[in-house]
Amino acid sequence: MEIAVVGVGESDYGRRTGRSEGALAREAVDRALADAGLTGADVDGFVTEGMLTSHSVPVDQMARALGIPERPFSAQTSIAGAGVVAAPRLARTIIEAGLASVVVTYFSIALGANSGGPYAVHAEDPWKAEFELPAGWFGQPTYFAAVAARYAHEFGLPDDALAAVVGAARAHAARTPNALLREPVTSADYDRSPIVASPLRKADCCLTNDGAIAYVMTSAERARSLAKPPVVVRGAGLAAAATTQAEYFTQRSDYFSLAAGAAFGAALAESGLQRSDIDIAELYDCFSITTLLQLEELGFAERGGGPAYVLESGIGPGSPVPVNTHGGLLAQSYVVAGNHVVEAVRQLRGERGEGQVEGAEVAMVTGLGIPDYACTLLSVDR
């Protein structure tokens, strides 16, 4: 059975807005349902990621808020970005089994929701708290800076390559009305950005903000009778690195493998597509270095060839395969890749105005969940 995404929605984005994660999620879900031409009464299933949203906005509360008359079927998949991007994989199984017919995925985050902010989940790890944190070996910028430093040692990492990733994100964000960072970044601007954890600068780090996303899925057959052109889920893959979450950032032997190749391979095999069919790529860009790593592991460049790829082929507007056409986590908003799904759907429906990629028919969306990695391929209805 084929399923399709029939509605997408985002909350308003901002920093420390004072709004709760529940309020943000409800706004996104309402907008996604309105986009699909459906109401809360049509929803009978939820798929959420298995860590953040499930704790802050559980599905029973969302179902009650939407006025769903009966207890909906619900399930969780992976965590963080991988969970949000892999949701269609589980939603299809649920719909095929007849457990639900209209499935909603949502994710929300609010900076004021916990005192530890984005570091809280790592600080709760007793191994990190006992052995790594006291030595300063802690926090996402430090972790990914170590990856970038190792990459530079192995292959070389010219500053202008990371600057090109950041500049492309900003160029796409400039064409995205709700992006939080729309100002262009030149190489000189990038060089003036302060170092956070060498070699990564502030500009290399993703945003932190309040916001939420949601999207609605149903069978492709039913989708064709709804309000918007359906976007078909052609393939979805989920894979994991051979390590634990606690070990992932600091103890694993292969810093450069994200399990992207396995997840992408599974999605391709299911879809019947080829890499050359992909028109746009929405890649999980928590830091600029992860964009380079994914371009290599997904086969757009050879290992060590990511810098040359972004400098020569380019990933900004007008490039052969534009990457993160809304600005991504670096420039549009941070909603653990949920905004990547929303953007891909809008591009394939031709709704992006100034930011529209001409002829976009196939989109790749990826999500990193530590140690999981997800890849979903979407296309216009055939």
Protein backbone atom coordinates (compact mmCIF):
# COMPACT_ATOMS: atom_id res chain seq x y z
CA MET A 1 0.00 0.00 0.00
CA GLU A 2 1.19 3.51 -0.79
CA ILE A 3 0.55 6.29 1.69
CA ALA A 4 0.75 10.02 1.16
CA VAL A 5 1.32 13.16 3.15
CA VAL A 6 -1.83 15.21 2.74
CA GLY A 7 -1.31 18.13 5.12
CA VAL A 8 1.58 19.98 6.75
CA GLY A 9 1.72 22.69 9.36
CA GLU A 10 4.17 24.75 11.41
CA SER A 11 3.66 26.91 14.46
CA ASP A 12 5.02 30.41 14.52
CA TYR A 13 8.75 30.29 15.33
CA GLY A 14 10.58 32.41 17.89
CA ARG A 15 12.99 32.41 20.82
CA ARG A 16 11.69 32.08 24.37
CA THR A 17 8.18 33.01 23.35
CA GLY A 18 6.70 31.90 26.67
CA ARG A 19 4.40 29.47 24.89
CA SER A 20 4.18 25.86 26.06
CA GLU A 21 5.17 22.90 23.93
CA GLY A 22 1.55 21.79 24.03
CA ALA A 23 0.28 25.09 22.66
CA LEU A 24 2.89 25.08 19.91
CA ALA A 25 2.08 21.48 18.95
CA ARG A 26 -1.65 22.17 18.87
CA GLU A 27 -1.10 25.15 16.56
CA ALA A 28 0.97 23.04 14.17
CA VAL A 29 -1.52 20.15 14.19
CA ASP A 30 -4.47 22.48 13.60
CA ARG A 31 -2.68 24.03 10.64
CA ALA A 32 -1.73 20.64 9.19
CA LEU A 33 -5.31 19.37 9.43
CA ALA A 34 -6.65 22.57 7.86
CA ASP A 35 -4.08 22.18 5.08
CA ALA A 36 -5.43 18.68 4.41
CA GLY A 37 -9.05 19.75 4.60
CA LEU A 38 -9.61 17.50 7.64
CA THR A 39 -10.64 18.00 11.26
CA GLY A 40 -9.68 16.41 14.54
CA ALA A 41 -12.64 14.06 14.22
CA ASP A 42 -10.98 12.48 11.17
CA VAL A 43 -7.82 11.52 13.08
CA ASP A 44 -7.58 8.00 14.45
CA GLY A 45 -3.83 7.50 14.75
CA PHE A 46 -0.62 9.16 15.90
CA VAL A 47 3.05 8.37 15.36
CA THR A 48 5.43 10.38 17.52
CA GLU A 49 9.16 10.25 18.06
CA GLY A 50 10.17 8.31 21.13
CA MET A 51 11.86 10.85 23.36
CA LEU A 52 10.97 14.53 23.50
CA THR A 53 7.44 15.00 22.19
CA SER A 54 6.12 11.86 23.83
CA HIS A 55 7.10 13.27 27.22
CA SER A 56 6.03 16.88 26.77
CA VAL A 57 2.88 16.50 24.64
CA PRO A 58 1.53 12.95 25.00
CA VAL A 59 -0.99 11.77 22.45
CA ASP A 60 -3.82 11.41 24.96
CA GLN A 61 -3.60 15.13 25.64
CA MET A 62 -3.46 15.95 21.93
CA ALA A 63 -6.43 13.66 21.21
CA ARG A 64 -8.44 15.32 23.96
CA ALA A 65 -7.55 18.79 22.69
CA LEU A 66 -8.62 17.85 19.16
CA GLY A 67 -11.93 16.42 20.37
CA ILE A 68 -11.25 12.95 18.99
CA PRO A 69 -14.26 10.91 20.11
CA GLU A 70 -12.51 7.55 20.60
CA ARG A 71 -9.06 6.56 21.82
CA PRO A 72 -6.77 6.78 18.74
CA PHE A 73 -4.13 4.22 17.92
CA SER A 74 -0.66 5.53 18.78
CA ALA A 75 2.93 4.39 18.34
CA GLN A 76 6.45 5.76 18.70
CA THR A 77 9.50 5.40 16.49
CA SER A 78 13.14 6.15 17.24
CA ILE A 79 14.08 9.54 18.75
CA ALA A 80 14.55 13.16 17.72
CA GLY A 81 15.22 13.76 14.00
CA ALA A 82 15.24 10.09 13.05
CA GLY A 83 11.86 9.55 14.70
CA VAL A 84 10.20 12.50 12.99
CA VAL A 85 11.54 11.52 9.55
CA ALA A 86 10.92 7.78 9.97
CA ALA A 87 7.29 8.28 11.01
CA PRO A 88 5.89 7.43 7.53
CA ARG A 89 7.54 4.01 7.76
CA LEU A 90 5.49 3.11 10.83
CA ALA A 91 2.40 5.01 9.69
CA ARG A 92 2.23 2.90 6.54
CA THR A 93 2.28 -0.29 8.61
CA ILE A 94 -0.50 1.05 10.83
CA ILE A 95 -2.65 2.07 7.88
CA GLU A 96 -2.02 -1.21 6.03
CA ALA A 97 -3.06 -3.16 9.12
CA GLY A 98 -6.29 -1.20 9.41
CA LEU A 99 -5.37 0.11 12.86
CA ALA A 100 -5.89 3.71 11.72
CA SER A 101 -6.74 5.56 8.54
CA VAL A 102 -5.54 9.13 9.21
CA VAL A 103 -2.25 9.36 11.09
CA VAL A 104 -0.73 12.55 12.49
CA THR A 105 2.90 13.12 13.41
CA TYR A 106 3.90 16.16 15.44
CA PHE A 107 6.90 17.52 17.28
CA SER A 108 7.34 20.59 19.46
CA ILE A 109 10.13 22.20 21.42
CA ALA A 110 10.25 25.23 23.74
CA LEU A 111 13.46 26.62 25.22
CA GLY A 112 11.85 27.32 28.56
CA ALA A 113 10.44 23.82 28.96
CA ASN A 114 13.45 22.55 30.90
CA SER A 115 16.32 24.27 32.66
CA GLY A 116 19.02 22.33 30.84
CA GLY A 117 17.88 23.35 27.37
CA PRO A 118 19.27 21.24 24.52
CA TYR A 119 22.01 19.85 26.79
CA ALA A 120 19.64 18.35 29.35
CA VAL A 121 19.33 14.89 27.84
CA HIS A 122 23.11 14.48 27.77
CA ALA A 123 23.59 15.84 31.29
CA GLU A 124 21.23 13.15 32.58
CA ASP A 125 23.55 10.40 31.31
CA PRO A 126 25.46 9.18 34.40
CA TRP A 127 28.53 8.18 32.40
CA LYS A 128 28.84 11.62 30.86
CA ALA A 129 28.10 13.35 34.14
CA GLU A 130 30.75 11.32 35.97
CA PHE A 131 33.60 11.06 33.48
CA GLU A 132 33.19 13.41 30.52
CA LEU A 133 31.42 16.54 31.70
CA PRO A 134 34.01 17.39 34.43
CA ALA A 135 36.73 17.35 31.77
CA GLY A 136 34.77 19.65 29.46
CA TRP A 137 34.04 16.83 27.01
CA PHE A 138 30.39 17.73 26.84
CA GLY A 139 27.74 19.37 24.74
CA GLN A 140 26.74 19.09 21.11
CA PRO A 141 29.08 21.83 19.76
CA THR A 142 32.02 20.10 21.42
CA TYR A 143 30.99 16.69 20.10
CA PHE A 144 30.58 17.83 16.51
CA ALA A 145 33.69 20.02 16.68
CA ALA A 146 35.62 16.85 17.47
CA VAL A 147 34.11 15.22 14.37
CA ALA A 148 35.10 18.26 12.27
CA ALA A 149 38.62 18.28 13.72
CA ARG A 150 39.07 14.59 12.96
CA TYR A 151 37.72 15.15 9.44
CA ALA A 152 40.21 17.98 8.93
CA HIS A 153 43.02 15.71 10.10
CA GLU A 154 42.00 12.89 7.76
CA PHE A 155 40.95 14.78 4.63
CA GLY A 156 41.50 18.49 5.09
CA LEU A 157 38.71 20.93 5.79
CA PRO A 158 39.08 24.37 4.25
CA ASP A 159 37.20 27.14 6.06
CA ASP A 160 35.48 28.15 2.86
CA ALA A 161 33.78 24.74 2.66
CA LEU A 162 31.98 25.18 5.97
CA ALA A 163 31.32 28.80 5.02
CA ALA A 164 29.73 27.56 1.79
CA VAL A 165 27.36 25.29 3.71
CA VAL A 166 26.33 28.15 5.97
CA GLY A 167 26.06 30.59 3.08
CA ALA A 168 23.82 28.22 1.12
CA ALA A 169 21.53 27.78 4.13
CA ARG A 170 21.19 31.53 4.50
CA ALA A 171 20.56 31.99 0.78
CA HIS A 172 17.69 29.50 0.95
CA ALA A 173 16.40 31.10 4.17
CA ALA A 174 16.31 34.50 2.46
CA ARG A 175 13.58 33.01 0.23
CA THR A 176 11.65 31.55 3.17
CA PRO A 177 9.31 34.03 4.88
CA ASN A 178 9.26 32.33 8.31
CA ALA A 179 13.01 31.63 8.51
CA LEU A 180 14.66 33.02 11.64
CA LEU A 181 18.02 33.86 10.02
CA ARG A 182 17.48 35.40 6.60
CA GLU A 183 20.52 37.66 6.41
CA PRO A 184 23.17 36.55 3.87
CA VAL A 185 26.56 35.31 5.10
CA THR A 186 29.67 36.02 3.05
CA SER A 187 33.02 34.33 3.64
CA ALA A 188 34.13 37.45 5.51
CA ASP A 189 30.99 37.34 7.67
CA TYR A 190 31.67 33.70 8.41
CA ASP A 191 35.26 34.44 9.45
CA ARG A 192 33.96 37.05 11.90
CA SER A 193 31.59 34.56 13.54
CA PRO A 194 33.04 33.64 16.95
CA ILE A 195 34.55 30.21 17.56
CA VAL A 196 32.29 28.05 19.75
CA ALA A 197 34.36 24.86 19.73
CA SER A 198 37.25 24.78 17.27
CA PRO A 199 36.92 24.51 14.34
CA LEU A 200 33.18 25.25 14.54
CA ARG A 201 31.93 28.82 14.73
CA LYS A 202 28.60 30.13 15.91
CA ALA A 203 27.45 30.22 12.29
CA ASP A 204 28.12 26.46 12.00
CA CYS A 205 25.68 25.67 14.82
CA CYS A 206 21.96 25.11 14.40
CA LEU A 207 19.37 27.44 15.83
CA THR A 208 17.72 27.02 19.21
CA ASN A 209 14.13 28.22 19.22
CA ASP A 210 10.52 27.54 20.15
CA GLY A 211 8.39 25.87 17.51
CA ALA A 212 6.41 22.87 16.34
CA ILE A 213 5.56 20.99 13.16
CA ALA A 214 2.92 18.46 12.18
CA TYR A 215 2.03 16.42 9.15
CA VAL A 216 -0.92 14.20 8.23
CA MET A 217 -0.77 10.87 6.39
CA THR A 218 -3.37 8.57 4.87
CA SER A 219 -3.61 6.03 2.06
CA ALA A 220 -2.70 7.37 -1.37
CA GLU A 221 -6.13 6.33 -2.60
CA ARG A 222 -7.96 8.41 -0.01
CA ALA A 223 -5.46 11.23 -0.40
CA ARG A 224 -6.57 11.88 -3.97
CA SER A 225 -9.99 13.01 -2.75
CA LEU A 226 -8.63 15.55 -0.26
CA ALA A 227 -7.89 19.25 -0.48
CA LYS A 228 -4.26 19.33 -1.64
CA PRO A 229 -2.27 17.31 -4.18
CA PRO A 230 -0.95 14.26 -2.32
CA VAL A 231 2.77 13.76 -1.79
CA VAL A 232 3.48 10.04 -1.98
CA VAL A 233 5.88 8.27 0.38
CA ARG A 234 7.99 6.30 -2.07
CA GLY A 235 10.40 4.76 0.43
CA ALA A 236 11.47 5.05 4.05
CA GLY A 237 14.55 3.59 5.69
CA LEU A 238 15.74 3.51 9.30
CA ALA A 239 19.20 2.28 10.33
CA ALA A 240 21.45 2.54 13.36
CA ALA A 241 25.15 2.90 13.97
CA ALA A 242 26.72 -0.03 15.80
CA THR A 243 27.03 1.81 19.10
CA THR A 244 24.97 2.98 22.05
CA GLN A 245 23.59 6.46 22.48
CA ALA A 246 25.95 7.06 25.42
CA GLU A 247 28.99 6.08 23.34
CA TYR A 248 27.96 7.71 20.08
CA PHE A 249 29.55 11.14 20.37
CA THR A 250 32.71 10.33 22.27
CA GLN A 251 33.65 6.64 22.14
CA ARG A 252 32.74 5.19 18.74
CA SER A 253 35.48 4.13 16.39
CA ASP A 254 34.07 5.59 13.14
CA TYR A 255 33.31 9.27 13.53
CA PHE A 256 32.22 9.70 9.93
CA SER A 257 29.50 7.06 9.58
CA LEU A 258 25.98 8.17 10.49
CA ALA A 259 24.27 4.98 9.22
CA ALA A 260 23.04 7.19 6.39
CA GLY A 261 24.09 4.80 3.65
CA ALA A 262 22.08 1.91 5.07
CA ALA A 263 18.94 3.99 5.63
CA PHE A 264 19.18 5.57 2.18
CA GLY A 265 19.78 2.17 0.57
CA ALA A 266 16.66 0.76 2.20
CA ALA A 267 14.57 3.74 1.09
CA LEU A 268 15.91 3.52 -2.47
CA ALA A 269 15.26 -0.20 -2.73
CA GLU A 270 11.68 0.27 -1.61
CA SER A 271 11.04 3.24 -3.86
CA GLY A 272 12.33 1.97 -7.20
CA LEU A 273 14.10 5.32 -7.60
CA GLN A 274 17.74 6.11 -8.31
CA ARG A 275 19.92 8.72 -6.62
CA SER A 276 19.88 10.66 -9.89
CA ASP A 277 16.09 11.05 -9.56
CA ILE A 278 16.42 13.23 -6.46
CA ASP A 279 15.68 16.89 -7.18
CA ILE A 280 16.02 18.35 -3.68
CA ALA A 281 17.65 17.09 -0.48
CA GLU A 282 16.55 18.18 2.98
CA LEU A 283 19.47 16.93 5.11
CA TYR A 284 19.68 17.00 8.90
CA ASP A 285 22.02 19.94 9.52
CA CYS A 286 22.45 20.30 13.27
CA PHE A 287 25.98 21.51 12.43
CA SER A 288 27.55 22.38 9.09
CA ILE A 289 29.90 19.39 9.27
CA THR A 290 26.95 16.97 9.25
CA THR A 291 25.88 18.29 5.85
CA LEU A 292 29.31 17.39 4.45
CA LEU A 293 29.27 13.95 6.05
CA GLN A 294 25.84 13.15 4.63
CA LEU A 295 26.67 14.33 1.12
CA GLU A 296 29.49 11.81 1.20
CA GLU A 297 27.72 8.89 2.84
CA LEU A 298 24.65 9.35 0.64
CA GLY A 299 26.82 9.14 -2.44
CA PHE A 300 26.70 12.69 -3.78
CA ALA A 301 30.44 12.95 -3.14
CA GLU A 302 33.19 10.44 -2.34
CA ARG A 303 34.58 10.17 1.18
CA GLY A 304 36.63 13.30 1.80
CA GLY A 305 35.05 14.97 -1.23
CA GLY A 306 32.28 16.88 0.54
CA PRO A 307 34.17 20.21 0.66
CA ALA A 308 34.94 20.07 -3.06
CA TYR A 309 31.31 19.19 -3.80
CA VAL A 310 29.84 22.19 -1.97
CA LEU A 311 32.48 24.52 -3.43
CA GLU A 312 32.23 23.28 -7.02
CA SER A 313 28.72 21.88 -7.55
CA GLY A 314 27.10 23.95 -4.82
CA ILE A 315 24.07 23.26 -2.65
CA GLY A 316 22.39 26.67 -2.69
CA PRO A 317 19.65 28.06 -4.93
CA GLY A 318 20.16 27.07 -8.55
CA SER A 319 22.54 24.19 -7.79
CA PRO A 320 22.07 20.73 -9.37
CA VAL A 321 20.60 19.33 -6.12
CA PRO A 322 19.64 22.17 -3.77
CA VAL A 323 20.08 21.23 -0.10
CA ASN A 324 17.83 22.46 2.72
CA THR A 325 15.74 24.71 0.52
CA HIS A 326 14.12 26.45 3.50
CA GLY A 327 17.39 27.22 5.28
CA GLY A 328 17.40 24.08 7.38
CA LEU A 329 18.23 23.84 11.05
CA LEU A 330 21.06 26.31 10.51
CA ALA A 331 18.86 29.16 9.32
CA GLN A 332 15.10 28.43 9.19
CA SER A 333 14.34 26.81 12.54
CA TYR A 334 15.29 23.90 14.75
CA VAL A 335 12.49 21.35 14.95
CA VAL A 336 14.66 18.18 14.67
CA ALA A 337 14.07 17.76 10.91
CA GLY A 338 10.30 18.00 11.12
CA ASN A 339 10.55 21.30 9.25
CA HIS A 340 12.52 19.40 6.58
CA VAL A 341 9.46 17.18 5.96
CA VAL A 342 7.17 20.21 5.81
CA GLU A 343 9.49 21.93 3.34
CA ALA A 344 9.79 18.88 1.11
CA VAL A 345 6.01 18.55 0.86
CA ARG A 346 5.54 22.22 0.02
CA GLN A 347 8.25 22.06 -2.64
CA LEU A 348 6.69 19.01 -4.28
CA ARG A 349 3.29 20.72 -4.28
CA GLY A 350 4.84 23.80 -5.90
CA GLU A 351 3.85 26.12 -3.05
CA ARG A 352 7.13 27.79 -2.15
CA GLY A 353 6.85 31.01 -4.11
CA GLU A 354 10.24 32.71 -4.38
CA GLY A 355 11.90 29.67 -2.83
CA GLN A 356 10.36 27.16 -5.23
CA VAL A 357 12.80 24.79 -6.96
CA GLU A 358 11.62 24.52 -10.54
CA GLY A 359 10.72 20.98 -11.58
CA ALA A 360 11.04 19.47 -8.10
CA GLU A 361 9.35 16.07 -8.25
CA VAL A 362 11.39 13.87 -5.89
CA ALA A 363 12.65 14.90 -2.45
CA MET A 364 14.94 13.22 0.04
CA VAL A 365 14.50 13.99 3.75
CA THR A 366 16.93 12.77 6.41
CA GLY A 367 16.95 12.78 10.19
CA LEU A 368 19.62 11.98 12.76
CA GLY A 369 18.51 10.51 16.07
CA ILE A 370 21.69 9.12 17.72
CA PRO A 371 22.45 6.31 17.01
CA ASP A 372 19.58 6.05 14.49
CA TYR A 373 19.36 7.64 11.08
CA ALA A 374 16.26 7.92 8.91
CA CYS A 375 15.74 8.63 5.23
CA THR A 376 12.37 9.14 3.56
CA LEU A 377 11.84 9.67 -0.17
CA LEU A 378 8.80 11.64 -1.29
CA SER A 379 7.42 12.38 -4.75
CA VAL A 380 4.56 14.04 -6.51
CA ASP A 381 1.62 11.72 -7.13
CA ARG A 382 2.16 9.56 -10.20
